[in-house]
């Protein structure tokens, strides 16, 4: 320990040091004094460095001229003669003097007792050569060389100041110190995370299916009575193809092309139920074209220039008596014949009719070609237009003048036939795109077929007869099978946080098909977003069997209550 001692402290200051360490003291220069036998000058058993104030005497040494004191302190000359460093006069610059007190083996020097007498002679000091190391002996005290020490950690420095050594490092102390540092940070982060978890939006519930996503009807593959020539194709709406016959290559289709004309016009000018649609002016060309019946064309020959014909009557004219002049009139009304034919071809591409090309709206041109498969693709879209099917299934049409025109499709109105469109030319032969329906269980199943390239006599009659055989055979093989029972679990609502509430079918579900057919079963959300909470029995989705116009739909409902997530789930959710 380094300690500054006030001058005049005397023996009391020396007696207070009990530590066995080197002590720096600021004291007055010691006066020579005779050693006493009763008390040592210092109780330290080590060398003591003292800073002696020049011009002052030791508190234990007699002061010259003082009462009761002995002889005065020797002067500078006497000090030099004795080998001591001269004491600077009063007022000179203050300096520190290295004074070795004693070694452990040197007899203690006792302070003066105040009895008059000559003080003991100070020890002879030898000048110190910095380059020579003085050996430590009993006669010469050990000299300590001070070296700069590396900086200590703060705790060690605090221990030096308080004279309390730092506790030795240990794993427990390290762990406690780290806990004290990081615990508040972790608590703050946990609070922030909890607040974020509680206030951020909840995930949207989703509806997922657990029932089988398909159903296959048992039995052997069906066999249909196909025609002897040409090509044919049969399919069921929402169920897929039933079968096909012949090479599906593009051939002339005649007035079957008017099915696309009617479809495109209705897409451009939709009709509402009970309305007659657009009023179309009759132009001079339509009147002149009506006289071409003498050239073998099918026309309506009683139109008058300047009159107007309703959209419903115009569609009836092209789909029932197959009026070429009215088909061209509709094309001119809807942007011109060239632009309208482009629309027909663009629509064919949209429907996947890859082997179809239209060159005129009536089908009179032999360059208007297609396949039975492509025409069935169009027919499956037409049966989804009730306003058009309401026209094609009529056995006759009465025009605005009261004239009756019969439907060339002799299949209507028998056996659930829905008509669609006939077509015949010398080059194309007899052709028919037809549709029919059959009640199977609770489902009104729609079927669509096409027969092309029939050259028997009569050509159109041959095509109609072949179509009838295929239609009746397909209707006969249609059957219903139970797929889902009422109350059966078909899926669940997932709230996104681990809760799943089962959903059940609200009615029996019967699928319509034929042996070997596989149909799809889908579970979809309702028209609105799924709620976060709902009571048991709430309808929240729809189970759909099949596709298209003949699909079966049954609502699904919650089996139990759908409740909002609790605080625990909100705090522990991930993502």
Protein backbone atom coordinates (compact mmCIF):
# COMPACT_ATOMS: atom_id res chain seq x y z
CA UNK A 1 0.00 0.00 0.00
CA UNK A 2 1.13 3.54 -0.79
CA UNK A 3 0.48 5.86 2.16
CA UNK A 4 1.20 9.54 2.66
CA UNK A 5 2.05 10.32 6.30
CA UNK A 6 1.82 13.81 7.70
CA UNK A 7 5.08 15.17 9.09
CA UNK A 8 5.25 15.04 12.80
CA UNK A 9 3.31 11.83 13.09
CA UNK A 10 6.31 10.25 14.77
CA UNK A 11 6.22 6.77 16.04
CA UNK A 12 2.44 6.74 16.01
CA UNK A 13 2.45 6.80 12.22
CA UNK A 14 5.00 4.02 12.09
CA UNK A 15 3.15 1.86 14.59
CA UNK A 16 -0.08 1.94 12.53
CA UNK A 17 1.52 -0.03 9.69
CA UNK A 18 0.95 -3.70 10.28
CA UNK A 19 1.15 -4.83 6.67
CA UNK A 20 4.27 -6.64 5.51
CA UNK A 21 4.60 -4.53 2.42
CA UNK A 22 6.69 -1.66 1.14
CA UNK A 23 5.29 1.72 2.19
CA UNK A 24 5.99 5.13 0.69
CA UNK A 25 5.87 7.85 3.33
CA UNK A 26 6.19 11.56 3.11
CA UNK A 27 8.02 12.56 6.34
CA UNK A 28 10.50 15.09 7.52
CA UNK A 29 14.19 14.22 7.12
CA UNK A 30 15.22 12.04 10.04
CA UNK A 31 17.68 13.46 12.56
CA UNK A 32 20.41 11.22 13.80
CA UNK A 33 19.42 9.71 17.05
CA UNK A 34 20.74 7.06 19.30
CA UNK A 35 18.84 3.79 19.13
CA UNK A 36 16.66 3.12 22.06
CA UNK A 37 16.20 -0.25 23.63
CA UNK A 38 12.46 -0.19 24.17
CA UNK A 39 10.84 0.61 20.73
CA UNK A 40 11.91 0.18 17.10
CA UNK A 41 11.77 3.04 14.65
CA UNK A 42 9.55 1.03 12.26
CA UNK A 43 7.54 -2.07 12.87
CA UNK A 44 7.66 -2.99 9.17
CA UNK A 45 9.90 -5.89 8.32
CA UNK A 46 10.47 -4.58 4.81
CA UNK A 47 12.28 -1.73 3.18
CA UNK A 48 10.38 1.56 3.34
CA UNK A 49 10.66 4.31 0.76
CA UNK A 50 10.31 7.72 2.33
CA UNK A 51 9.91 11.04 0.71
CA UNK A 52 11.82 13.38 3.04
CA UNK A 53 10.94 17.00 2.98
CA UNK A 54 14.14 19.01 2.65
CA UNK A 55 15.04 21.31 5.48
CA UNK A 56 12.96 19.53 8.08
CA UNK A 57 13.91 17.22 10.87
CA UNK A 58 12.44 13.96 11.85
CA UNK A 59 9.73 14.25 14.42
CA UNK A 60 11.73 11.94 16.61
CA UNK A 61 15.00 13.95 16.23
CA UNK A 62 15.91 16.88 18.52
CA UNK A 63 15.51 20.35 17.08
CA UNK A 64 18.49 22.67 17.44
CA UNK A 65 17.98 25.23 20.15
CA UNK A 66 15.00 23.50 21.63
CA UNK A 67 14.74 23.17 25.37
CA UNK A 68 15.79 19.88 26.80
CA UNK A 69 17.52 18.79 23.63
CA UNK A 70 21.08 17.73 23.05
CA UNK A 71 23.49 19.02 20.46
CA UNK A 72 22.19 20.35 17.14
CA UNK A 73 21.84 18.33 13.99
CA UNK A 74 25.11 18.16 12.09
CA UNK A 75 25.48 20.63 9.26
CA UNK A 76 25.91 19.93 5.60
CA UNK A 77 29.60 19.54 5.94
CA UNK A 78 29.18 16.98 8.61
CA UNK A 79 26.64 15.14 6.49
CA UNK A 80 28.99 15.05 3.54
CA UNK A 81 31.76 13.84 5.80
CA UNK A 82 29.52 11.07 7.00
CA UNK A 83 28.55 10.13 3.43
CA UNK A 84 25.01 11.47 3.68
CA UNK A 85 23.20 13.48 1.03
CA UNK A 86 23.29 17.16 2.02
CA UNK A 87 20.02 18.68 3.18
CA UNK A 88 19.01 21.59 0.98
CA UNK A 89 18.30 24.83 2.72
CA UNK A 90 14.81 26.01 3.53
CA UNK A 91 13.04 27.21 0.44
CA UNK A 92 14.98 24.99 -1.92
CA UNK A 93 13.21 22.69 -4.37
CA UNK A 94 11.57 19.73 -2.68
CA UNK A 95 12.92 16.35 -3.69
CA UNK A 96 12.30 12.74 -2.80
CA UNK A 97 15.06 10.72 -1.25
CA UNK A 98 15.38 6.97 -1.33
CA UNK A 99 15.90 5.84 2.27
CA UNK A 100 16.24 2.13 2.95
CA UNK A 101 14.95 1.62 6.47
CA UNK A 102 16.44 -1.72 7.20
CA UNK A 103 16.57 -5.31 6.14
CA UNK A 104 14.88 -8.05 8.02
CA UNK A 105 18.15 -9.04 9.69
CA UNK A 106 19.27 -5.52 10.72
CA UNK A 107 18.71 -4.75 14.39
CA UNK A 108 15.93 -2.29 14.87
CA UNK A 109 17.00 1.31 15.27
CA UNK A 110 15.36 2.83 18.23
CA UNK A 111 14.38 6.45 18.16
CA UNK A 112 16.06 9.03 20.31
CA UNK A 113 14.84 9.22 23.84
CA UNK A 114 15.32 12.97 23.99
CA UNK A 115 18.36 12.71 26.26
CA UNK A 116 21.06 15.18 25.30
CA UNK A 117 23.87 13.57 23.44
CA UNK A 118 25.36 13.05 20.07
CA UNK A 119 23.00 11.31 17.64
CA UNK A 120 24.16 8.11 16.09
CA UNK A 121 26.00 8.40 12.81
CA UNK A 122 23.85 7.54 9.80
CA UNK A 123 24.81 4.54 7.73
CA UNK A 124 27.28 5.06 4.94
CA UNK A 125 25.57 4.96 1.51
CA UNK A 126 27.36 3.92 -1.59
CA UNK A 127 26.42 5.66 -4.80
CA UNK A 128 24.26 3.43 -6.97
CA UNK A 129 25.50 2.52 -10.40
CA UNK A 130 22.46 1.87 -12.64
CA UNK A 131 24.40 -0.70 -14.59
CA UNK A 132 25.54 -2.74 -11.58
CA UNK A 133 23.18 -4.89 -9.58
CA UNK A 134 23.90 -4.63 -5.84
CA UNK A 135 23.63 -7.98 -4.08
CA UNK A 136 21.33 -8.16 -1.14
CA UNK A 137 23.17 -8.89 2.12
CA UNK A 138 22.63 -8.37 5.75
CA UNK A 139 24.68 -5.18 5.56
CA UNK A 140 22.96 -3.66 2.47
CA UNK A 141 19.16 -3.65 2.10
CA UNK A 142 17.59 -5.11 -1.06
CA UNK A 143 16.78 -2.61 -3.76
CA UNK A 144 13.45 -2.97 -5.52
CA UNK A 145 13.29 -2.25 -9.25
CA UNK A 146 9.87 -0.93 -10.35
CA UNK A 147 8.56 -2.31 -13.68
CA UNK A 148 5.38 -1.16 -15.43
CA UNK A 149 2.56 -3.64 -14.98
CA UNK A 150 -0.06 -4.55 -17.59
CA UNK A 151 -3.53 -3.05 -17.01
CA UNK A 152 -5.71 -5.08 -14.72
CA UNK A 153 -9.39 -5.88 -15.15
CA UNK A 154 -11.76 -3.44 -13.41
CA UNK A 155 -12.69 -5.96 -10.71
CA UNK A 156 -9.04 -6.59 -9.91
CA UNK A 157 -8.31 -2.87 -9.71
CA UNK A 158 -11.29 -2.42 -7.40
CA UNK A 159 -9.97 -5.26 -5.25
CA UNK A 160 -6.57 -3.52 -5.03
CA UNK A 161 -8.18 -0.29 -3.88
CA UNK A 162 -10.40 -1.97 -1.31
CA UNK A 163 -7.69 -4.45 -0.30
CA UNK A 164 -10.17 -7.25 -1.08
CA UNK A 165 -8.82 -9.78 -3.55
CA UNK A 166 -11.32 -10.70 -6.32
CA UNK A 167 -13.01 -14.04 -5.95
CA UNK A 168 -11.53 -16.72 -8.13
CA UNK A 169 -13.35 -17.21 -11.50
CA UNK A 170 -15.78 -20.10 -11.72
CA UNK A 171 -18.46 -21.44 -14.07
CA UNK A 172 -21.19 -20.54 -11.57
CA UNK A 173 -20.03 -16.91 -11.26
CA UNK A 174 -19.79 -16.61 -15.05
CA UNK A 175 -23.28 -18.02 -15.48
CA UNK A 176 -24.73 -15.67 -12.86
CA UNK A 177 -23.03 -12.66 -14.44
CA UNK A 178 -24.32 -13.56 -17.89
CA UNK A 179 -27.80 -14.16 -16.54
CA UNK A 180 -27.85 -10.71 -14.94
CA UNK A 181 -26.79 -9.15 -18.23
CA UNK A 182 -28.98 -11.04 -20.68
CA UNK A 183 -32.10 -11.80 -18.61
CA UNK A 184 -33.58 -8.26 -18.89
CA UNK A 185 -32.91 -8.22 -22.63
CA UNK A 186 -34.61 -11.57 -23.08
CA UNK A 187 -37.59 -10.46 -21.02
CA UNK A 188 -37.97 -7.31 -23.14
CA UNK A 189 -37.77 -9.31 -26.36
CA UNK A 190 -40.36 -11.77 -25.04
CA UNK A 191 -42.76 -8.92 -24.23
CA UNK A 192 -42.34 -7.37 -27.69
CA UNK A 193 -42.84 -10.75 -29.39
CA UNK A 194 -45.96 -11.44 -27.35
CA UNK A 195 -47.50 -8.09 -28.32
CA UNK A 196 -46.74 -8.69 -31.99
CA UNK A 197 -48.23 -12.19 -31.87
CA UNK A 198 -51.42 -10.91 -30.24
CA UNK A 199 -52.08 -7.99 -32.57
CA UNK A 200 -51.12 -9.38 -35.97
CA UNK A 201 -53.96 -10.65 -38.22
CA UNK A 202 -55.13 -14.23 -37.90
CA UNK A 203 -54.67 -16.60 -40.85
CA UNK A 204 -57.67 -17.19 -43.08
CA UNK A 205 -59.48 -20.50 -42.45
CA UNK A 206 -59.36 -23.03 -45.28
CA UNK A 207 -61.64 -25.89 -46.28
CA UNK A 208 -59.94 -29.17 -47.10
CA UNK A 209 -61.39 -32.44 -48.34
CA UNK A 210 -60.85 -35.75 -46.56
CA UNK A 211 -63.28 -37.87 -48.59
CA UNK A 212 -62.21 -39.66 -51.74
CA UNK A 213 -61.58 -37.22 -54.55
CA UNK A 214 -62.91 -39.61 -57.19
CA UNK A 215 -65.33 -42.48 -57.68
CA UNK A 216 -65.17 -45.31 -60.27
CA UNK A 217 -68.28 -47.13 -61.43
CA UNK A 218 -68.13 -50.90 -61.44
CA UNK A 219 -68.75 -53.07 -64.50
CA UNK A 220 -67.37 -53.69 -67.97
CA UNK A 221 -66.64 -51.10 -70.59
CA UNK A 222 -69.73 -50.03 -72.60
CA UNK A 223 -70.20 -50.77 -76.30
CA UNK A 224 -72.13 -48.37 -78.55
CA UNK A 225 -73.79 -49.06 -81.93
CA UNK A 226 -71.56 -46.95 -84.15
CA UNK A 227 -72.42 -46.10 -87.81
CA UNK A 228 -70.89 -48.02 -90.71
CA UNK A 229 -69.03 -45.07 -92.21
CA UNK A 230 -67.81 -41.58 -91.44
CA UNK A 231 -66.98 -40.63 -87.90
CA UNK A 232 -68.83 -40.27 -84.58
CA UNK A 233 -68.21 -39.13 -81.04
CA UNK A 234 -70.23 -39.37 -77.80
CA UNK A 235 -69.78 -37.63 -74.43
CA UNK A 236 -71.71 -36.85 -71.23
CA UNK A 237 -71.74 -33.34 -69.81
CA UNK A 238 -69.54 -33.18 -66.76
CA UNK A 239 -68.49 -36.82 -67.10
CA UNK A 240 -66.30 -36.91 -70.18
CA UNK A 241 -66.21 -38.91 -73.41
CA UNK A 242 -68.20 -42.14 -73.71
CA UNK A 243 -66.54 -43.33 -76.89
CA UNK A 244 -65.63 -42.49 -80.49
CA UNK A 245 -65.76 -44.03 -83.95
CA UNK A 246 -63.67 -43.51 -87.11
CA UNK A 247 -60.71 -41.28 -87.77
CA UNK A 248 -61.18 -37.83 -86.34
CA UNK A 249 -60.02 -35.84 -89.37
CA UNK A 250 -61.44 -32.53 -90.68
CA UNK A 251 -64.37 -32.95 -93.10
CA UNK A 252 -67.03 -30.66 -94.50
CA UNK A 253 -69.88 -30.24 -92.01
CA UNK A 254 -72.50 -28.22 -93.95
CA UNK A 255 -75.08 -26.33 -91.92
CA UNK A 256 -73.77 -27.78 -88.65
CA UNK A 257 -71.55 -24.68 -88.83
CA UNK A 258 -74.61 -22.61 -87.85
CA UNK A 259 -74.25 -23.99 -84.29
CA UNK A 260 -71.08 -21.88 -83.95
CA UNK A 261 -72.84 -18.90 -85.58
CA UNK A 262 -75.60 -19.00 -82.95
CA UNK A 263 -73.10 -19.56 -80.10
CA UNK A 264 -70.90 -16.57 -81.06
CA UNK A 265 -73.89 -14.25 -81.60
CA UNK A 266 -75.31 -15.15 -78.17
CA UNK A 267 -71.94 -14.55 -76.57
CA UNK A 268 -71.88 -11.08 -78.13
CA UNK A 269 -75.56 -10.36 -77.41
CA UNK A 270 -76.71 -12.34 -74.38
CA UNK A 271 -80.44 -12.88 -73.98
CA UNK A 272 -82.32 -12.84 -70.72
CA UNK A 273 -85.00 -15.40 -70.01
CA UNK A 274 -88.39 -14.29 -71.35
CA UNK A 275 -86.89 -11.65 -73.63
CA UNK A 276 -86.49 -11.66 -77.43
CA UNK A 277 -83.12 -9.95 -77.50
CA UNK A 278 -81.82 -7.57 -80.16
CA UNK A 279 -84.07 -6.24 -82.93
CA UNK A 280 -82.18 -6.80 -86.18
CA UNK A 281 -83.00 -4.73 -89.30
CA UNK A 282 -83.63 -6.79 -92.45
CA UNK A 283 -81.46 -5.48 -95.29
CA UNK A 284 -81.83 -5.90 -99.05
CA UNK A 285 -79.16 -8.63 -99.16
CA UNK A 286 -81.12 -10.81 -96.74
CA UNK A 287 -84.22 -10.47 -98.93
CA UNK A 288 -82.28 -11.28 -102.12
CA UNK A 289 -80.53 -14.27 -100.48
CA UNK A 290 -83.92 -15.61 -99.47
CA UNK A 291 -84.69 -16.29 -103.13
CA UNK A 292 -81.74 -18.74 -103.41
CA UNK A 293 -83.89 -21.61 -102.29
CA UNK A 294 -84.28 -22.38 -105.96
CA UNK A 295 -80.51 -22.98 -106.02
CA UNK A 296 -80.72 -25.61 -103.29
CA UNK A 297 -80.06 -23.40 -100.30
CA UNK A 298 -82.12 -23.48 -97.14
CA UNK A 299 -83.61 -20.00 -96.63
CA UNK A 300 -86.47 -18.05 -95.11
CA UNK A 301 -88.04 -16.40 -98.15
CA UNK A 302 -90.65 -14.11 -96.61
CA UNK A 303 -88.43 -11.41 -95.13
CA UNK A 304 -89.09 -7.80 -96.17
CA UNK A 305 -86.53 -5.08 -96.45
CA UNK A 306 -86.84 -2.47 -93.72
CA UNK A 307 -88.57 -4.83 -91.30
CA UNK A 308 -86.95 -5.93 -88.07
CA UNK A 309 -86.57 -9.46 -86.81
CA UNK A 310 -85.97 -10.28 -83.17
CA UNK A 311 -82.87 -12.08 -82.05
CA UNK A 312 -84.96 -15.02 -80.86
CA UNK A 313 -86.66 -15.36 -84.26
CA UNK A 314 -83.39 -14.98 -86.12
CA UNK A 315 -81.76 -17.76 -84.05
CA UNK A 316 -84.85 -19.93 -84.56
CA UNK A 317 -84.59 -19.34 -88.34
CA UNK A 318 -81.00 -20.60 -88.52
CA UNK A 319 -81.31 -23.50 -86.01
CA UNK A 320 -84.68 -24.99 -87.11
CA UNK A 321 -85.21 -24.45 -90.87
CA UNK A 322 -81.44 -23.71 -91.29
CA UNK A 323 -81.85 -20.36 -93.10
CA UNK A 324 -78.57 -19.42 -94.81
CA UNK A 325 -79.73 -15.89 -95.60
CA UNK A 326 -80.50 -15.17 -91.90
CA UNK A 327 -77.10 -16.60 -90.81
CA UNK A 328 -75.35 -14.14 -93.12
CA UNK A 329 -77.66 -11.34 -91.87
CA UNK A 330 -76.54 -11.98 -88.26
CA UNK A 331 -72.88 -11.89 -89.33
CA UNK A 332 -73.35 -8.53 -91.05
CA UNK A 333 -75.15 -7.16 -87.98
CA UNK A 334 -72.32 -8.32 -85.69
CA UNK A 335 -69.43 -6.44 -87.29
CA UNK A 336 -69.52 -7.75 -90.85
CA UNK A 337 -69.18 -11.25 -92.29
CA UNK A 338 -65.38 -11.28 -92.45
CA UNK A 339 -64.97 -10.10 -88.86
CA UNK A 340 -67.65 -12.48 -87.69
CA UNK A 341 -65.98 -15.50 -89.31
CA UNK A 342 -62.78 -14.51 -87.52
CA UNK A 343 -64.70 -14.57 -84.24
CA UNK A 344 -65.93 -18.07 -85.08
CA UNK A 345 -62.39 -19.34 -85.58
CA UNK A 346 -61.09 -17.58 -82.47
CA UNK A 347 -63.85 -19.17 -80.40
CA UNK A 348 -63.02 -22.58 -81.85
CA UNK A 349 -59.44 -22.18 -80.62
CA UNK A 350 -60.65 -21.16 -77.17
CA UNK A 351 -62.74 -24.33 -76.95
CA UNK A 352 -59.88 -26.57 -78.05
CA UNK A 353 -61.37 -27.34 -81.47
CA UNK A 354 -57.96 -27.84 -83.05
CA UNK A 355 -59.22 -29.52 -86.24
CA UNK A 356 -61.87 -26.94 -87.13
CA UNK A 357 -61.85 -24.10 -89.68
CA UNK A 358 -64.78 -21.82 -90.51
CA UNK A 359 -64.89 -19.89 -93.80
CA UNK A 360 -68.51 -18.74 -93.78
CA UNK A 361 -71.30 -18.36 -91.17
CA UNK A 362 -73.75 -20.67 -92.95
CA UNK A 363 -71.57 -23.72 -93.65
CA UNK A 364 -72.44 -23.73 -97.31
CA UNK A 365 -68.79 -23.53 -98.29
CA UNK A 366 -67.08 -26.90 -98.44
CA UNK A 367 -63.97 -25.26 -96.94
CA UNK A 368 -65.76 -25.04 -93.57
CA UNK A 369 -64.47 -28.26 -91.95
CA UNK A 370 -64.40 -29.91 -88.54
CA UNK A 371 -64.47 -33.29 -86.75
CA UNK A 372 -67.10 -35.08 -84.70
CA UNK A 373 -64.97 -34.66 -81.58
CA UNK A 374 -64.58 -30.90 -82.10
CA UNK A 375 -68.31 -30.46 -82.67
CA UNK A 376 -69.08 -32.33 -79.44
CA UNK A 377 -66.81 -29.84 -77.60
CA UNK A 378 -68.97 -27.05 -78.98
CA UNK A 379 -72.19 -28.94 -78.18
CA UNK A 380 -71.15 -29.32 -74.51
CA UNK A 381 -70.99 -25.51 -74.30
CA UNK A 382 -74.30 -25.02 -76.09
CA UNK A 383 -76.21 -27.23 -73.62
CA UNK A 384 -75.11 -24.75 -70.96
CA UNK A 385 -77.08 -22.01 -72.79
CA UNK A 386 -80.72 -22.60 -71.80
CA UNK A 387 -81.96 -19.80 -74.08
CA UNK A 388 -80.47 -21.57 -77.11
CA UNK A 389 -81.52 -25.09 -76.09
CA UNK A 390 -85.05 -23.76 -75.62
CA UNK A 391 -85.01 -23.04 -79.38
CA UNK A 392 -83.24 -26.16 -80.69
CA UNK A 393 -85.51 -28.63 -78.89
CA UNK A 394 -88.63 -27.29 -80.66
CA UNK A 395 -90.01 -29.52 -83.40
CA UNK A 396 -91.13 -26.41 -85.36
CA UNK A 397 -90.92 -22.62 -85.48
CA UNK A 398 -93.62 -20.14 -86.43
CA UNK A 399 -92.18 -16.96 -87.90
CA UNK A 400 -93.61 -13.42 -87.29
CA UNK A 401 -95.84 -13.76 -90.36
CA UNK A 402 -97.41 -16.95 -88.95
CA UNK A 403 -95.66 -19.32 -91.32
CA UNK A 404 -94.62 -22.66 -89.81
CA UNK A 405 -91.17 -24.09 -90.35
CA UNK A 406 -90.36 -27.66 -89.27
CA UNK A 407 -87.19 -28.81 -87.51
CA UNK A 408 -85.09 -30.96 -89.81
CA UNK A 409 -83.86 -32.91 -86.76
CA UNK A 410 -86.41 -35.69 -86.50
CA UNK A 411 -85.06 -36.80 -83.11
CA UNK A 412 -86.98 -34.03 -81.35
CA UNK A 413 -89.07 -34.10 -79.29
CA UNK A 414 -88.65 -37.85 -78.60
CA UNK A 415 -86.55 -39.67 -75.97
CA UNK A 416 -85.42 -36.50 -74.26
CA UNK A 417 -83.80 -35.17 -77.40
CA UNK A 418 -82.68 -31.52 -77.26
CA UNK A 419 -81.90 -31.11 -80.94
CA UNK A 420 -78.97 -28.76 -81.81
CA UNK A 421 -78.17 -28.74 -85.56
CA UNK A 422 -78.39 -30.72 -88.76
CA UNK A 423 -76.28 -30.22 -91.88
CA UNK A 424 -76.18 -31.82 -95.28
CA UNK A 425 -74.59 -31.16 -98.65
CA UNK A 426 -73.62 -33.37 -101.55
CA UNK A 427 -69.94 -33.08 -100.58
CA UNK A 428 -70.37 -33.26 -96.80
CA UNK A 429 -73.06 -35.95 -96.75
CA UNK A 430 -75.43 -36.16 -93.79
CA UNK A 431 -74.29 -34.64 -90.46
CA UNK A 432 -75.89 -34.09 -87.08
CA UNK A 433 -74.80 -32.50 -83.82
CA UNK A 434 -77.32 -33.68 -81.20
CA UNK A 435 -78.00 -33.53 -77.48
CA UNK A 436 -80.34 -35.32 -75.10
CA UNK A 437 -81.11 -35.58 -71.42
CA UNK A 438 -82.08 -38.36 -69.03
CA UNK A 439 -83.22 -38.27 -65.43
CA UNK A 440 -80.89 -40.55 -63.46
CA UNK A 441 -81.65 -40.58 -59.76
CA UNK A 442 -81.87 -36.92 -58.81
CA UNK A 443 -79.67 -35.79 -61.69
CA UNK A 444 -80.78 -34.55 -65.08
CA UNK A 445 -77.86 -35.92 -67.08
CA UNK A 446 -77.02 -34.30 -70.43
CA UNK A 447 -75.32 -36.14 -73.29
CA UNK A 448 -73.92 -34.75 -76.53
CA UNK A 449 -72.97 -36.60 -79.73
CA UNK A 450 -72.02 -35.98 -83.34
CA UNK A 451 -72.21 -38.09 -86.50
CA UNK A 452 -70.48 -36.85 -89.68
CA UNK A 453 -69.93 -38.05 -93.23
CA UNK A 454 -73.02 -40.23 -93.79
CA UNK A 455 -73.66 -40.83 -97.49
CA UNK A 456 -76.50 -43.35 -97.31
CA UNK A 457 -79.83 -42.55 -98.89
CA UNK A 458 -81.18 -40.22 -97.72
CA UNK A 459 -77.99 -38.68 -96.43
CA UNK A 460 -79.57 -36.65 -93.62
CA UNK A 461 -81.92 -39.48 -92.65
CA UNK A 462 -78.94 -41.85 -92.38
CA UNK A 463 -77.12 -39.46 -90.04
CA UNK A 464 -80.26 -39.01 -87.89
CA UNK A 465 -80.82 -42.78 -87.62
CA UNK A 466 -77.20 -43.44 -86.59
CA UNK A 467 -77.39 -40.63 -84.03
CA UNK A 468 -80.60 -42.06 -82.55
CA UNK A 469 -79.00 -45.48 -81.97
CA UNK A 470 -75.99 -43.95 -80.21
CA UNK A 471 -78.18 -41.63 -78.13
CA UNK A 472 -80.51 -44.39 -76.87
CA UNK A 473 -77.62 -46.74 -76.04
CA UNK A 474 -75.85 -44.04 -74.04
CA UNK A 475 -79.02 -43.14 -72.13
CA UNK A 476 -79.55 -46.79 -71.28
CA UNK A 477 -76.12 -47.38 -69.80
CA UNK A 478 -76.29 -44.32 -67.55
CA UNK A 479 -76.64 -45.31 -63.91
CA UNK A 480 -76.55 -43.71 -60.47
CA UNK A 481 -74.43 -44.83 -57.54
CA UNK A 482 -74.30 -43.50 -53.95
CA UNK A 483 -71.02 -41.69 -53.38
CA UNK A 484 -71.54 -39.86 -50.06
CA UNK A 485 -74.14 -40.43 -47.35
CA UNK A 486 -75.84 -37.63 -45.47
CA UNK A 487 -73.87 -36.76 -42.30
CA UNK A 488 -70.62 -38.27 -43.57
CA UNK A 489 -67.47 -36.30 -42.81
CA UNK A 490 -66.09 -35.10 -46.13
CA UNK A 491 -63.51 -32.58 -44.95
CA UNK A 492 -62.59 -30.05 -42.27
CA UNK A 493 -62.06 -26.36 -41.67
CA UNK A 494 -58.47 -25.51 -40.71
CA UNK A 495 -58.15 -22.21 -38.83
CA UNK A 496 -54.42 -22.06 -39.61
CA UNK A 497 -53.41 -22.46 -35.95
CA UNK A 498 -53.87 -26.19 -35.53
CA UNK A 499 -57.64 -26.40 -34.94
CA UNK A 500 -59.63 -28.55 -37.36
CA UNK A 501 -63.41 -28.67 -37.32
CA UNK A 502 -65.00 -31.50 -39.38
CA UNK A 503 -67.60 -30.71 -42.05
CA UNK A 504 -70.34 -33.13 -43.12
CA UNK A 505 -72.56 -33.57 -46.17
CA UNK A 506 -76.09 -32.23 -45.66
CA UNK A 507 -77.68 -34.73 -48.07
CA UNK A 508 -77.02 -37.98 -49.88
CA UNK A 509 -74.88 -37.60 -52.98
CA UNK A 510 -75.47 -39.81 -55.98
CA UNK A 511 -73.08 -39.85 -58.90
CA UNK A 512 -74.17 -40.52 -62.46
CA UNK A 513 -72.02 -42.42 -64.89
CA UNK A 514 -71.46 -45.72 -66.62
CA UNK A 515 -69.28 -48.78 -65.95
CA UNK A 516 -65.51 -48.04 -65.78
CA UNK A 517 -66.13 -44.28 -65.57
CA UNK A 518 -64.19 -42.32 -62.94
CA UNK A 519 -65.66 -39.02 -61.78
CA UNK A 520 -64.14 -36.23 -59.70
CA UNK A 521 -65.32 -35.21 -56.22
CA UNK A 522 -64.44 -31.69 -55.08
CA UNK A 523 -64.95 -29.67 -51.91
CA UNK A 524 -64.98 -25.89 -52.35
CA UNK A 525 -65.63 -22.82 -50.20
CA UNK A 526 -68.94 -21.06 -50.39
CA UNK A 527 -69.52 -17.79 -52.20
CA UNK A 528 -68.12 -15.82 -49.24
CA UNK A 529 -64.93 -16.12 -47.22
CA UNK A 530 -64.88 -18.73 -44.47
CA UNK A 531 -65.69 -17.18 -41.05
CA UNK A 532 -63.38 -17.17 -38.03
CA UNK A 533 -66.26 -18.35 -35.82
CA UNK A 534 -69.49 -20.20 -36.62
CA UNK A 535 -72.03 -22.42 -34.95
CA UNK A 536 -72.41 -26.14 -35.57
CA UNK A 537 -74.63 -26.81 -38.58
CA UNK A 538 -73.59 -23.67 -40.45
CA UNK A 539 -73.25 -24.31 -44.19
CA UNK A 540 -69.79 -23.16 -45.27
CA UNK A 541 -69.03 -24.99 -48.51
CA UNK A 542 -70.18 -27.14 -51.39
CA UNK A 543 -69.43 -30.75 -52.32
CA UNK A 544 -69.43 -31.17 -56.10
CA UNK A 545 -69.57 -34.47 -57.98
CA UNK A 546 -68.82 -34.36 -61.70
CA UNK A 547 -68.37 -31.30 -63.89
CA UNK A 548 -70.30 -29.09 -66.26
CA UNK A 549 -74.07 -28.85 -66.60
CA UNK A 550 -74.73 -32.31 -65.11
CA UNK A 551 -72.68 -31.99 -61.94
CA UNK A 552 -74.26 -32.72 -58.56
CA UNK A 553 -73.81 -30.19 -55.74
CA UNK A 554 -74.53 -30.70 -52.04
CA UNK A 555 -73.85 -28.15 -49.26
CA UNK A 556 -71.54 -29.11 -46.39
CA UNK A 557 -71.93 -27.90 -42.78
CA UNK A 558 -69.86 -27.71 -39.60
CA UNK A 559 -70.12 -30.76 -37.37
CA UNK A 560 -69.24 -28.67 -34.27
CA UNK A 561 -68.68 -25.03 -33.34
CA UNK A 562 -65.86 -23.15 -35.01
CA UNK A 563 -64.30 -20.97 -32.30
CA UNK A 564 -61.72 -18.21 -32.42
CA UNK A 565 -58.14 -19.13 -31.47
CA UNK A 566 -57.16 -18.55 -27.82
CA UNK A 567 -54.28 -16.44 -26.50
CA UNK A 568 -52.03 -19.48 -26.18
CA UNK A 569 -52.39 -20.35 -29.85
CA UNK A 570 -51.89 -16.75 -30.88
CA UNK A 571 -48.65 -16.54 -28.88
CA UNK A 572 -47.23 -19.85 -30.10
CA UNK A 573 -48.19 -19.63 -33.77
CA UNK A 574 -45.43 -19.77 -36.34
CA UNK A 575 -45.60 -18.18 -39.76
